[in-house]
C-alpha atoms as a PDB file:
ATOM      1  CA  UNK A   1      84.850  44.163  -1.808  1.00  0.00           C
ATOM      2  CA  UNK A   2      87.436  46.907  -1.449  1.00  0.00           C
ATOM      3  CA  UNK A   3      86.040  50.249  -0.250  1.00  0.00           C
ATOM      4  CA  UNK A   4      85.881  53.010  -2.850  1.00  0.00           C
ATOM      5  CA  UNK A   5      87.575  55.221  -0.279  1.00  0.00           C
ATOM      6  CA  UNK A   6      88.687  54.658   3.283  1.00  0.00           C
ATOM      7  CA  UNK A   7      89.948  56.749   6.183  1.00  0.00           C
ATOM      8  CA  UNK A   8      91.449  55.236   9.321  1.00  0.00           C
ATOM      9  CA  UNK A   9      92.480  57.103  12.468  1.00  0.00           C
ATOM     10  CA  UNK A  10      92.774  60.418  10.650  1.00  0.00           C
ATOM     11  CA  UNK A  11      94.211  63.276  12.699  1.00  0.00           C
ATOM     12  CA  UNK A  12      94.672  66.837  11.475  1.00  0.00           C
ATOM     13  CA  UNK A  13      95.663  69.828  13.573  1.00  0.00           C
ATOM     14  CA  UNK A  14      95.828  73.523  12.772  1.00  0.00           C
ATOM     15  CA  UNK A  15      97.990  75.055  15.475  1.00  0.00           C
ATOM     16  CA  UNK A  16      96.382  74.294  18.813  1.00  0.00           C
ATOM     17  CA  UNK A  17      93.085  73.251  17.207  1.00  0.00           C
ATOM     18  CA  UNK A  18      92.432  69.607  16.385  1.00  0.00           C
ATOM     19  CA  UNK A  19      90.143  69.524  13.370  1.00  0.00           C
ATOM     20  CA  UNK A  20      90.176  65.722  13.014  1.00  0.00           C
ATOM     21  CA  UNK A  21      90.724  63.541  16.052  1.00  0.00           C
ATOM     22  CA  UNK A  22      90.955  59.932  14.858  1.00  0.00           C
ATOM     23  CA  UNK A  23      88.268  59.867  12.162  1.00  0.00           C
ATOM     24  CA  UNK A  24      87.290  56.598  10.441  1.00  0.00           C
ATOM     25  CA  UNK A  25      85.227  56.679   7.225  1.00  0.00           C
ATOM     26  CA  UNK A  26      84.621  54.326   4.332  1.00  0.00           C
ATOM     27  CA  UNK A  27      82.128  53.726   1.539  1.00  0.00           C
ATOM     28  CA  UNK A  28      81.292  50.831  -0.730  1.00  0.00           C
ATOM     29  CA  UNK A  29      81.506  51.447  -4.501  1.00  0.00           C
ATOM     30  CA  UNK A  30      78.383  52.967  -5.997  1.00  0.00           C
ATOM     31  CA  UNK A  31      76.949  54.210  -2.705  1.00  0.00           C
ATOM     32  CA  UNK A  32      76.421  57.591  -1.059  1.00  0.00           C
ATOM     33  CA  UNK A  33      78.051  58.186   2.323  1.00  0.00           C
ATOM     34  CA  UNK A  34      76.554  61.169   4.100  1.00  0.00           C
ATOM     35  CA  UNK A  35      78.843  62.947   6.548  1.00  0.00           C
ATOM     36  CA  UNK A  36      76.693  64.961   8.890  1.00  0.00           C
ATOM     37  CA  UNK A  37      77.754  67.591  11.387  1.00  0.00           C
ATOM     38  CA  UNK A  38      77.598  71.269  12.309  1.00  0.00           C
ATOM     39  CA  UNK A  39      79.967  73.995  11.159  1.00  0.00           C
ATOM     40  CA  UNK A  40      83.477  73.319  12.439  1.00  0.00           C
ATOM     41  CA  UNK A  41      82.889  69.619  13.085  1.00  0.00           C
ATOM     42  CA  UNK A  42      85.650  68.509  10.673  1.00  0.00           C
ATOM     43  CA  UNK A  43      83.693  67.574   7.560  1.00  0.00           C
ATOM     44  CA  UNK A  44      85.521  69.807   5.074  1.00  0.00           C
ATOM     45  CA  UNK A  45      88.913  68.941   6.527  1.00  0.00           C
ATOM     46  CA  UNK A  46      88.212  65.232   5.990  1.00  0.00           C
ATOM     47  CA  UNK A  47      87.335  65.886   2.347  1.00  0.00           C
ATOM     48  CA  UNK A  48      90.419  68.033   1.834  1.00  0.00           C
ATOM     49  CA  UNK A  49      92.629  65.206   3.086  1.00  0.00           C
ATOM     50  CA  UNK A  50      90.894  62.653   0.859  1.00  0.00           C
ATOM     51  CA  UNK A  51      91.170  65.031  -2.108  1.00  0.00           C
ATOM     52  CA  UNK A  52      94.951  65.436  -1.507  1.00  0.00           C
ATOM     53  CA  UNK A  53      94.558  69.127  -0.609  1.00  0.00           C
ATOM     54  CA  UNK A  54      95.734  68.626   2.978  1.00  0.00           C
ATOM     55  CA  UNK A  55      98.175  66.181   4.555  1.00  0.00           C
ATOM     56  CA  UNK A  56      97.058  64.372   7.666  1.00  0.00           C
ATOM     57  CA  UNK A  57      99.177  64.501  10.811  1.00  0.00           C
ATOM     58  CA  UNK A  58      98.338  60.874  11.616  1.00  0.00           C
ATOM     59  CA  UNK A  59      96.283  58.013  10.266  1.00  0.00           C
ATOM     60  CA  UNK A  60      95.835  57.028   6.637  1.00  0.00           C
ATOM     61  CA  UNK A  61      93.430  57.677   3.780  1.00  0.00           C
ATOM     62  CA  UNK A  62      93.032  55.886   0.464  1.00  0.00           C
ATOM     63  CA  UNK A  63      90.932  56.146  -2.689  1.00  0.00           C
ATOM     64  CA  UNK A  64      90.462  53.051  -4.835  1.00  0.00           C
ATOM     65  CA  UNK A  65      93.245  51.411  -2.829  1.00  0.00           C
ATOM     66  CA  UNK A  66      95.695  54.264  -3.496  1.00  0.00           C
ATOM     67  CA  UNK A  67      97.245  56.135  -0.580  1.00  0.00           C
ATOM     68  CA  UNK A  68      96.324  59.824  -0.856  1.00  0.00           C
ATOM     69  CA  UNK A  69      99.733  60.936   0.409  1.00  0.00           C
ATOM     70  CA  UNK A  70     102.018  58.585  -1.533  1.00  0.00           C
ATOM     71  CA  UNK A  71      99.925  58.363  -4.716  1.00  0.00           C
ATOM     72  CA  UNK A  72      98.404  61.833  -4.833  1.00  0.00           C
ATOM     73  CA  UNK A  73      98.666  62.261  -8.624  1.00  0.00           C
ATOM     74  CA  UNK A  74      96.956  58.934  -9.321  1.00  0.00           C
ATOM     75  CA  UNK A  75      94.273  59.704  -6.737  1.00  0.00           C
ATOM     76  CA  UNK A  76      93.474  63.033  -8.393  1.00  0.00           C
ATOM     77  CA  UNK A  77      92.746  61.230 -11.653  1.00  0.00           C
ATOM     78  CA  UNK A  78      90.118  59.109  -9.913  1.00  0.00           C
ATOM     79  CA  UNK A  79      88.209  61.764  -8.021  1.00  0.00           C
ATOM     80  CA  UNK A  80      85.979  64.775  -8.561  1.00  0.00           C
ATOM     81  CA  UNK A  81      85.434  67.561  -6.045  1.00  0.00           C
ATOM     82  CA  UNK A  82      82.679  70.125  -5.708  1.00  0.00           C
ATOM     83  CA  UNK A  83      83.116  72.525  -2.812  1.00  0.00           C
ATOM     84  CA  UNK A  84      80.679  74.772  -0.996  1.00  0.00           C
ATOM     85  CA  UNK A  85      81.160  77.577  -3.498  1.00  0.00           C
ATOM     86  CA  UNK A  86      81.249  77.368  -7.287  1.00  0.00           C
ATOM     87  CA  UNK A  87      84.782  77.468  -8.686  1.00  0.00           C
ATOM     88  CA  UNK A  88      83.965  78.093 -12.336  1.00  0.00           C
ATOM     89  CA  UNK A  89      85.499  81.037 -14.170  1.00  0.00           C
ATOM     90  CA  UNK A  90      82.747  83.613 -14.586  1.00  0.00           C
ATOM     91  CA  UNK A  91      84.461  85.228 -17.589  1.00  0.00           C
ATOM     92  CA  UNK A  92      84.277  81.962 -19.567  1.00  0.00           C
ATOM     93  CA  UNK A  93      81.225  80.377 -21.121  1.00  0.00           C
ATOM     94  CA  UNK A  94      79.811  77.119 -19.873  1.00  0.00           C
ATOM     95  CA  UNK A  95      81.495  75.227 -22.704  1.00  0.00           C
ATOM     96  CA  UNK A  96      84.820  77.018 -22.218  1.00  0.00           C
ATOM     97  CA  UNK A  97      84.821  76.207 -18.505  1.00  0.00           C
ATOM     98  CA  UNK A  98      84.349  72.486 -19.082  1.00  0.00           C
ATOM     99  CA  UNK A  99      86.820  72.334 -21.959  1.00  0.00           C
ATOM    100  CA  UNK A 100      89.373  74.076 -19.736  1.00  0.00           C
ATOM    101  CA  UNK A 101      88.926  71.425 -17.052  1.00  0.00           C
ATOM    102  CA  UNK A 102      89.290  68.721 -19.683  1.00  0.00           C
ATOM    103  CA  UNK A 103      92.534  70.185 -21.011  1.00  0.00           C
ATOM    104  CA  UNK A 104      93.888  70.470 -17.461  1.00  0.00           C
ATOM    105  CA  UNK A 105      93.232  66.730 -17.200  1.00  0.00           C
ATOM    106  CA  UNK A 106      95.301  66.202 -20.389  1.00  0.00           C
ATOM    107  CA  UNK A 107      92.315  65.320 -22.547  1.00  0.00           C
ATOM    108  CA  UNK A 108      92.744  66.040 -26.263  1.00  0.00           C
ATOM    109  CA  UNK A 109      90.798  69.141 -27.273  1.00  0.00           C
ATOM    110  CA  UNK A 110      88.269  67.182 -29.334  1.00  0.00           C
ATOM    111  CA  UNK A 111      87.582  64.775 -26.454  1.00  0.00           C
ATOM    112  CA  UNK A 112      87.316  67.677 -23.982  1.00  0.00           C
ATOM    113  CA  UNK A 113      84.708  69.341 -26.223  1.00  0.00           C
ATOM    114  CA  UNK A 114      82.769  66.084 -26.599  1.00  0.00           C
ATOM    115  CA  UNK A 115      82.645  65.560 -22.843  1.00  0.00           C
ATOM    116  CA  UNK A 116      81.728  69.201 -22.271  1.00  0.00           C
ATOM    117  CA  UNK A 117      78.772  68.967 -24.660  1.00  0.00           C
ATOM    118  CA  UNK A 118      77.597  65.713 -23.088  1.00  0.00           C
ATOM    119  CA  UNK A 119      77.774  67.109 -19.543  1.00  0.00           C
ATOM    120  CA  UNK A 120      76.074  70.378 -20.473  1.00  0.00           C
ATOM    121  CA  UNK A 121      73.227  68.356 -21.927  1.00  0.00           C
ATOM    122  CA  UNK A 122      73.088  66.095 -18.868  1.00  0.00           C
ATOM    123  CA  UNK A 123      72.760  69.051 -16.524  1.00  0.00           C
ATOM    124  CA  UNK A 124      70.263  70.970 -18.639  1.00  0.00           C
ATOM    125  CA  UNK A 125      72.728  73.702 -19.604  1.00  0.00           C
ATOM    126  CA  UNK A 126      72.934  73.228 -23.373  1.00  0.00           C
ATOM    127  CA  UNK A 127      70.916  76.384 -24.096  1.00  0.00           C
ATOM    128  CA  UNK A 128      73.294  78.392 -21.893  1.00  0.00           C
ATOM    129  CA  UNK A 129      76.485  76.724 -23.136  1.00  0.00           C
ATOM    130  CA  UNK A 130      77.610  79.823 -25.063  1.00  0.00           C
ATOM    131  CA  UNK A 131      76.857  82.298 -22.289  1.00  0.00           C
ATOM    132  CA  UNK A 132      79.366  83.542 -19.747  1.00  0.00           C
ATOM    133  CA  UNK A 133      79.037  81.877 -16.368  1.00  0.00           C
ATOM    134  CA  UNK A 134      78.594  85.332 -14.831  1.00  0.00           C
ATOM    135  CA  UNK A 135      75.116  85.411 -16.391  1.00  0.00           C
ATOM    136  CA  UNK A 136      74.089  82.094 -14.790  1.00  0.00           C
ATOM    137  CA  UNK A 137      71.724  81.851 -11.842  1.00  0.00           C
ATOM    138  CA  UNK A 138      73.010  80.361  -8.586  1.00  0.00           C
ATOM    139  CA  UNK A 139      71.471  76.994  -9.381  1.00  0.00           C
ATOM    140  CA  UNK A 140      72.984  76.963 -12.864  1.00  0.00           C
ATOM    141  CA  UNK A 141      76.434  77.746 -11.496  1.00  0.00           C
ATOM    142  CA  UNK A 142      76.158  74.896  -9.019  1.00  0.00           C
ATOM    143  CA  UNK A 143      75.190  72.534 -11.841  1.00  0.00           C
ATOM    144  CA  UNK A 144      78.076  73.784 -13.977  1.00  0.00           C
ATOM    145  CA  UNK A 145      80.426  73.320 -11.040  1.00  0.00           C
ATOM    146  CA  UNK A 146      79.217  69.752 -10.569  1.00  0.00           C
ATOM    147  CA  UNK A 147      79.571  69.118 -14.301  1.00  0.00           C
ATOM    148  CA  UNK A 148      83.168  70.349 -14.112  1.00  0.00           C
ATOM    149  CA  UNK A 149      83.929  67.823 -11.388  1.00  0.00           C
ATOM    150  CA  UNK A 150      82.729  65.045 -13.714  1.00  0.00           C
ATOM    151  CA  UNK A 151      84.800  65.956 -16.790  1.00  0.00           C
ATOM    152  CA  UNK A 152      87.421  63.388 -15.776  1.00  0.00           C
ATOM    153  CA  UNK A 153      84.788  60.622 -15.292  1.00  0.00           C
ATOM    154  CA  UNK A 154      85.748  60.117 -11.629  1.00  0.00           C
ATOM    155  CA  UNK A 155      84.917  56.907  -9.811  1.00  0.00           C
ATOM    156  CA  UNK A 156      84.668  58.840  -6.513  1.00  0.00           C
ATOM    157  CA  UNK A 157      83.001  62.229  -6.112  1.00  0.00           C
ATOM    158  CA  UNK A 158      83.385  64.454  -3.060  1.00  0.00           C
ATOM    159  CA  UNK A 159      80.500  66.895  -2.604  1.00  0.00           C
ATOM    160  CA  UNK A 160      81.069  69.417   0.174  1.00  0.00           C
ATOM    161  CA  UNK A 161      77.658  70.904   0.992  1.00  0.00           C
ATOM    162  CA  UNK A 162      76.716  71.105  -2.716  1.00  0.00           C
ATOM    163  CA  UNK A 163      73.273  72.624  -2.151  1.00  0.00           C
ATOM    164  CA  UNK A 164      74.420  75.545  -0.009  1.00  0.00           C
ATOM    165  CA  UNK A 165      72.492  78.664  -1.041  1.00  0.00           C
ATOM    166  CA  UNK A 166      70.043  76.879  -3.338  1.00  0.00           C
ATOM    167  CA  UNK A 167      66.295  77.341  -3.033  1.00  0.00           C
ATOM    168  CA  UNK A 168      64.220  74.195  -2.277  1.00  0.00           C
ATOM    169  CA  UNK A 169      63.348  73.566  -5.927  1.00  0.00           C
ATOM    170  CA  UNK A 170      66.971  73.754  -7.103  1.00  0.00           C
ATOM    171  CA  UNK A 171      68.037  71.640  -4.132  1.00  0.00           C
ATOM    172  CA  UNK A 172      65.660  68.875  -5.230  1.00  0.00           C
ATOM    173  CA  UNK A 173      67.135  69.060  -8.742  1.00  0.00           C
ATOM    174  CA  UNK A 174      70.609  68.602  -7.283  1.00  0.00           C
ATOM    175  CA  UNK A 175      69.380  65.656  -5.189  1.00  0.00           C
ATOM    176  CA  UNK A 176      68.084  63.957  -8.315  1.00  0.00           C
ATOM    177  CA  UNK A 177      71.433  64.479 -10.010  1.00  0.00           C
ATOM    178  CA  UNK A 178      73.290  62.935  -7.080  1.00  0.00           C
ATOM    179  CA  UNK A 179      70.919  59.948  -7.032  1.00  0.00           C
ATOM    180  CA  UNK A 180      71.536  59.408 -10.744  1.00  0.00           C
ATOM    181  CA  UNK A 181      75.311  59.547 -10.292  1.00  0.00           C
ATOM    182  CA  UNK A 182      75.179  56.884  -7.575  1.00  0.00           C
ATOM    183  CA  UNK A 183      72.832  54.729  -9.662  1.00  0.00           C
ATOM    184  CA  UNK A 184      75.373  54.930 -12.502  1.00  0.00           C
ATOM    185  CA  UNK A 185      78.117  53.578 -10.209  1.00  0.00           C
ATOM    186  CA  UNK A 186      79.828  56.719  -8.888  1.00  0.00           C
ATOM    187  CA  UNK A 187      80.698  56.611  -5.193  1.00  0.00           C
ATOM    188  CA  UNK A 188      79.715  59.843  -3.461  1.00  0.00           C
ATOM    189  CA  UNK A 189      80.868  61.379  -0.196  1.00  0.00           C
ATOM    190  CA  UNK A 190      78.323  64.048   0.668  1.00  0.00           C
ATOM    191  CA  UNK A 191      78.831  66.476   3.522  1.00  0.00           C
ATOM    192  CA  UNK A 192      75.789  68.417   4.619  1.00  0.00           C
ATOM    193  CA  UNK A 193      74.131  70.281   7.458  1.00  0.00           C
ATOM    194  CA  UNK A 194      70.708  69.562   5.984  1.00  0.00           C
ATOM    195  CA  UNK A 195      69.372  66.559   7.858  1.00  0.00           C
ATOM    196  CA  UNK A 196      66.649  65.924   5.295  1.00  0.00           C
ATOM    197  CA  UNK A 197      69.319  65.887   2.579  1.00  0.00           C
ATOM    198  CA  UNK A 198      71.276  63.122   4.301  1.00  0.00           C
ATOM    199  CA  UNK A 199      68.045  61.224   4.916  1.00  0.00           C
ATOM    200  CA  UNK A 200      67.012  61.486   1.262  1.00  0.00           C
ATOM    201  CA  UNK A 201      70.346  60.621  -0.362  1.00  0.00           C
ATOM    202  CA  UNK A 202      72.654  58.628   1.886  1.00  0.00           C
ATOM    203  CA  UNK A 203      72.937  54.847   1.997  1.00  0.00           C
ATOM    204  CA  UNK A 204      74.922  55.256   5.224  1.00  0.00           C
ATOM    205  CA  UNK A 205      75.609  58.239   7.462  1.00  0.00           C
ATOM    206  CA  UNK A 206      78.576  59.134   9.652  1.00  0.00           C
ATOM    207  CA  UNK A 207      77.941  61.831  12.251  1.00  0.00           C
ATOM    208  CA  UNK A 208      81.004  63.952  13.077  1.00  0.00           C
ATOM    209  CA  UNK A 209      81.237  66.181  16.112  1.00  0.00           C
ATOM    210  CA  UNK A 210      84.353  67.925  17.441  1.00  0.00           C
ATOM    211  CA  UNK A 211      86.530  66.099  14.914  1.00  0.00           C
ATOM    212  CA  UNK A 212      85.319  62.612  15.816  1.00  0.00           C
ATOM    213  CA  UNK A 213      82.839  60.171  14.321  1.00  0.00           C
ATOM    214  CA  UNK A 214      80.275  59.725  17.069  1.00  0.00           C
ATOM    215  CA  UNK A 215      77.867  57.474  15.154  1.00  0.00           C
ATOM    216  CA  UNK A 216      77.682  55.509  11.914  1.00  0.00           C
ATOM    217  CA  UNK A 217      74.764  53.562  10.482  1.00  0.00           C
ATOM    218  CA  UNK A 218      72.067  53.616   7.849  1.00  0.00           C
ATOM    219  CA  UNK A 219      69.547  56.450   8.219  1.00  0.00           C
ATOM    220  CA  UNK A 220      67.023  53.969   9.641  1.00  0.00           C
ATOM    221  CA  UNK A 221      69.612  52.532  12.014  1.00  0.00           C
ATOM    222  CA  UNK A 222      70.523  55.955  13.351  1.00  0.00           C
ATOM    223  CA  UNK A 223      66.876  56.727  13.930  1.00  0.00           C
ATOM    224  CA  UNK A 224      66.524  53.553  15.970  1.00  0.00           C
ATOM    225  CA  UNK A 225      69.349  54.799  18.207  1.00  0.00           C
ATOM    226  CA  UNK A 226      67.311  57.872  19.091  1.00  0.00           C
ATOM    227  CA  UNK A 227      64.414  55.835  20.396  1.00  0.00           C
ATOM    228  CA  UNK A 228      61.567  53.649  19.272  1.00  0.00           C
ATOM    229  CA  UNK A 229      58.726  54.260  16.901  1.00  0.00           C
ATOM    230  CA  UNK A 230      56.053  56.903  17.296  1.00  0.00           C
ATOM    231  CA  UNK A 231      52.388  56.817  16.345  1.00  0.00           C
ATOM    232  CA  UNK A 232      50.882  59.981  14.878  1.00  0.00           C
ATOM    233  CA  UNK A 233      47.075  60.273  14.806  1.00  0.00           C
ATOM    234  CA  UNK A 234      45.057  63.158  13.374  1.00  0.00           C
ATOM    235  CA  UNK A 235      41.299  62.661  13.820  1.00  0.00           C
ATOM    236  CA  UNK A 236      39.025  63.793  11.023  1.00  0.00           C
ATOM    237  CA  UNK A 237      37.133  65.841  13.613  1.00  0.00           C
ATOM    238  CA  UNK A 238      39.593  67.901  15.701  1.00  0.00           C
ATOM    239  CA  UNK A 239      37.094  67.770  18.569  1.00  0.00           C
ATOM    240  CA  UNK A 240      37.883  64.035  18.875  1.00  0.00           C
ATOM    241  CA  UNK A 241      41.576  64.595  19.522  1.00  0.00           C
ATOM    242  CA  UNK A 242      41.011  64.083  23.239  1.00  0.00           C
ATOM    243  CA  UNK A 243      39.247  60.767  22.602  1.00  0.00           C
ATOM    244  CA  UNK A 244      42.112  59.687  20.321  1.00  0.00           C
ATOM    245  CA  UNK A 245      44.615  60.544  23.052  1.00  0.00           C
ATOM    246  CA  UNK A 246      42.629  58.458  25.539  1.00  0.00           C
ATOM    247  CA  UNK A 247      42.705  55.465  23.184  1.00  0.00           C
ATOM    248  CA  UNK A 248      46.445  55.779  22.549  1.00  0.00           C
ATOM    249  CA  UNK A 249      47.145  56.142  26.280  1.00  0.00           C
ATOM    250  CA  UNK A 250      45.006  53.119  27.137  1.00  0.00           C
ATOM    251  CA  UNK A 251      46.629  50.896  24.493  1.00  0.00           C
ATOM    252  CA  UNK A 252      50.228  51.883  25.203  1.00  0.00           C
ATOM    253  CA  UNK A 253      49.861  52.152  28.959  1.00  0.00           C
ATOM    254  CA  UNK A 254      51.712  55.470  28.847  1.00  0.00           C
ATOM    255  CA  UNK A 255      50.411  58.953  29.572  1.00  0.00           C
ATOM    256  CA  UNK A 256      49.709  60.970  26.424  1.00  0.00           C
ATOM    257  CA  UNK A 257      50.046  64.733  26.530  1.00  0.00           C
ATOM    258  CA  UNK A 258      47.390  67.169  25.423  1.00  0.00           C
ATOM    259  CA  UNK A 259      47.008  66.977  21.624  1.00  0.00           C
ATOM    260  CA  UNK A 260      48.557  69.886  19.703  1.00  0.00           C
ATOM    261  CA  UNK A 261      46.799  71.190  16.629  1.00  0.00           C
ATOM    262  CA  UNK A 262      44.384  68.276  16.758  1.00  0.00           C
ATOM    263  CA  UNK A 263      47.216  65.724  16.375  1.00  0.00           C
ATOM    264  CA  UNK A 264      48.139  63.007  18.886  1.00  0.00           C
ATOM    265  CA  UNK A 265      51.760  61.825  18.987  1.00  0.00           C
ATOM    266  CA  UNK A 266      53.033  59.100  21.306  1.00  0.00           C
ATOM    267  CA  UNK A 267      55.730  56.393  21.423  1.00  0.00           C
ATOM    268  CA  UNK A 268      54.613  52.829  20.666  1.00  0.00           C
ATOM    269  CA  UNK A 269      56.289  49.457  21.055  1.00  0.00           C
ATOM    270  CA  UNK A 270      56.324  48.437  17.402  1.00  0.00           C
ATOM    271  CA  UNK A 271      53.776  47.375  14.821  1.00  0.00           C
ATOM    272  CA  UNK A 272      51.672  45.181  17.135  1.00  0.00           C
ATOM    273  CA  UNK A 273      50.930  48.079  19.453  1.00  0.00           C
ATOM    274  CA  UNK A 274      50.267  50.293  16.438  1.00  0.00           C
ATOM    275  CA  UNK A 275      47.700  47.742  15.212  1.00  0.00           C
ATOM    276  CA  UNK A 276      46.085  47.793  18.661  1.00  0.00           C
ATOM    277  CA  UNK A 277      45.799  51.580  18.421  1.00  0.00           C
ATOM    278  CA  UNK A 278      44.070  51.252  15.037  1.00  0.00           C
ATOM    279  CA  UNK A 279      41.540  48.786  16.459  1.00  0.00           C
ATOM    280  CA  UNK A 280      41.020  50.944  19.553  1.00  0.00           C
ATOM    281  CA  UNK A 281      40.229  53.982  17.447  1.00  0.00           C
ATOM    282  CA  UNK A 282      37.757  51.998  15.376  1.00  0.00           C
ATOM    283  CA  UNK A 283      36.051  50.676  18.530  1.00  0.00           C
ATOM    284  CA  UNK A 284      35.805  54.235  19.888  1.00  0.00           C
ATOM    285  CA  UNK A 285      34.332  55.495  16.592  1.00  0.00           C
ATOM    286  CA  UNK A 286      37.174  57.957  16.106  1.00  0.00           C
ATOM    287  CA  UNK A 287      37.441  58.610  12.367  1.00  0.00           C
ATOM    288  CA  UNK A 288      41.028  59.274  11.313  1.00  0.00           C
ATOM    289  CA  UNK A 289      42.170  61.730   8.644  1.00  0.00           C
ATOM    290  CA  UNK A 290      45.826  60.740   9.008  1.00  0.00           C
ATOM    291  CA  UNK A 291      47.680  58.023  10.874  1.00  0.00           C
ATOM    292  CA  UNK A 292      51.330  56.998  10.676  1.00  0.00           C
ATOM    293  CA  UNK A 293      54.013  54.965  12.381  1.00  0.00           C
ATOM    294  CA  UNK A 294      57.338  56.718  12.145  1.00  0.00           C
ATOM    295  CA  UNK A 295      60.901  56.580  13.383  1.00  0.00           C
ATOM    296  CA  UNK A 296      62.516  59.632  14.984  1.00  0.00           C
ATOM    297  CA  UNK A 297      63.711  62.262  12.521  1.00  0.00           C
ATOM    298  CA  UNK A 298      67.423  62.831  11.930  1.00  0.00           C
ATOM    299  CA  UNK A 299      66.981  66.121  13.789  1.00  0.00           C
ATOM    300  CA  UNK A 300      66.008  64.104  16.862  1.00  0.00           C
ATOM    301  CA  UNK A 301      68.888  61.700  16.239  1.00  0.00           C
ATOM    302  CA  UNK A 302      71.412  64.523  16.102  1.00  0.00           C
ATOM    303  CA  UNK A 303      70.050  66.113  19.262  1.00  0.00           C
ATOM    304  CA  UNK A 304      70.190  62.742  21.046  1.00  0.00           C
ATOM    305  CA  UNK A 305      73.814  62.203  19.978  1.00  0.00           C
ATOM    306  CA  UNK A 306      75.184  65.693  20.594  1.00  0.00           C
ATOM    307  CA  UNK A 307      72.753  67.414  22.955  1.00  0.00           C
ATOM    308  CA  UNK A 308      72.173  70.288  20.527  1.00  0.00           C
ATOM    309  CA  UNK A 309      70.469  70.944  17.187  1.00  0.00           C
ATOM    310  CA  UNK A 310      72.370  70.168  13.982  1.00  0.00           C
ATOM    311  CA  UNK A 311      72.888  73.869  13.296  1.00  0.00           C
ATOM    312  CA  UNK A 312      74.261  74.513  16.770  1.00  0.00           C
ATOM    313  CA  UNK A 313      77.831  75.809  17.015  1.00  0.00           C
ATOM    314  CA  UNK A 314      80.921  73.775  17.790  1.00  0.00           C
ATOM    315  CA  UNK A 315      82.870  75.391  20.584  1.00  0.00           C
ATOM    316  CA  UNK A 316      86.285  74.870  18.988  1.00  0.00           C
ATOM    317  CA  UNK A 317      86.609  75.407  15.248  1.00  0.00           C
ATOM    318  CA  UNK A 318      89.543  75.324  12.909  1.00  0.00           C
ATOM    319  CA  UNK A 319      90.422  78.525  11.122  1.00  0.00           C
ATOM    320  CA  UNK A 320      90.648  76.412   7.971  1.00  0.00           C
ATOM    321  CA  UNK A 321      87.374  74.541   8.504  1.00  0.00           C
ATOM    322  CA  UNK A 322      84.491  75.851   6.440  1.00  0.00           C
ATOM    323  CA  UNK A 323      81.853  73.323   7.391  1.00  0.00           C
END
C-alpha cells in the first residue's frame, strides 16, 4: 500500500542553521502519525515542506504519490493545513470564512455554501454561523480553523500543534474530532509537544530532535524502548505501604524504595512477576485499593531518548521554526 505521504532524507537550512537534517517520515492512509519534539526540533519545517510552503534543500517529499516540489498545485488540492494559530478572517462570519475558502478552491458558490453548512454543523458551530469570528472563543476559532482546512475534502491533513492555547476540555473536544477524521479515512500528521496528546491519538510516533528523527514506533513500542513494565500498588491502608514494598522487593528480587504517598512503584519482569506480586500481597494480607501494570509514560520515553524533558529547549533553533 502506497503511503499517504512520505518524506525521505529531507534537509532544510536557514542560513547557518539546519532545521531538518535528513528526516524520514511516512504514514499509511487513514492513520494518525504523531511527530513529537520540543520547540525548534524541526516539526513545523517538515510540515511546511510537505504543504509546499517551503522547498527542501535535499531529499524528497510526496503526498499521495505526488512530488511536493514538481506537483505543488496538485498536492495542494489533496491536503488541508491547520497551523498553530487560527488563520480565519475575524471580520467575516463563520459561514463567510468557509465559503471564502471554498471559492478559493474553485468550488461553485452553491457547493461552497453547502460544504460550509455541513462543516459548521459537524463542528458544533451552526448557532454561531452568522456571527463574526472575532466574537468566537478560542476553542471556537480553532474549530472553525480546522473546518476551513476540510472545505476541500483533503485526503491528508496536517495539524501543527492544533490544541495550542486550548483548555483541557476544549483539547479533548479537538482530540475527538481528530479521531473521527482518521476513522473516516483522512490521514493525519499531528505535531505536538503534549505527550499525552500523541499517546491518545497517534497510531505511530516519530520523535524529532535537532532536525533528526531519533525514534519511530507505535506508542507502546516507544514505551518499551524506555524500559520494562512497572507495578504500581496502593494499599487500602496507607500504613501497610511498607509491607507492600517488602512483598514487591521479595518477589522481584530488587530493592524497593520507600513508598511515596502510600504508593509502591517498582519495575517487574512482565506479567508472570506481576501475578506473583498479586499472590504475595494476598498471602501477606495486604488489601489493595489500586494495582496496575504499566509501561513507561511518553514523558519517560522522551527523557530516555533525549536526556531532557519534552518541553526542554533545543540549543540551535531556526528563526523560521515555530515548533
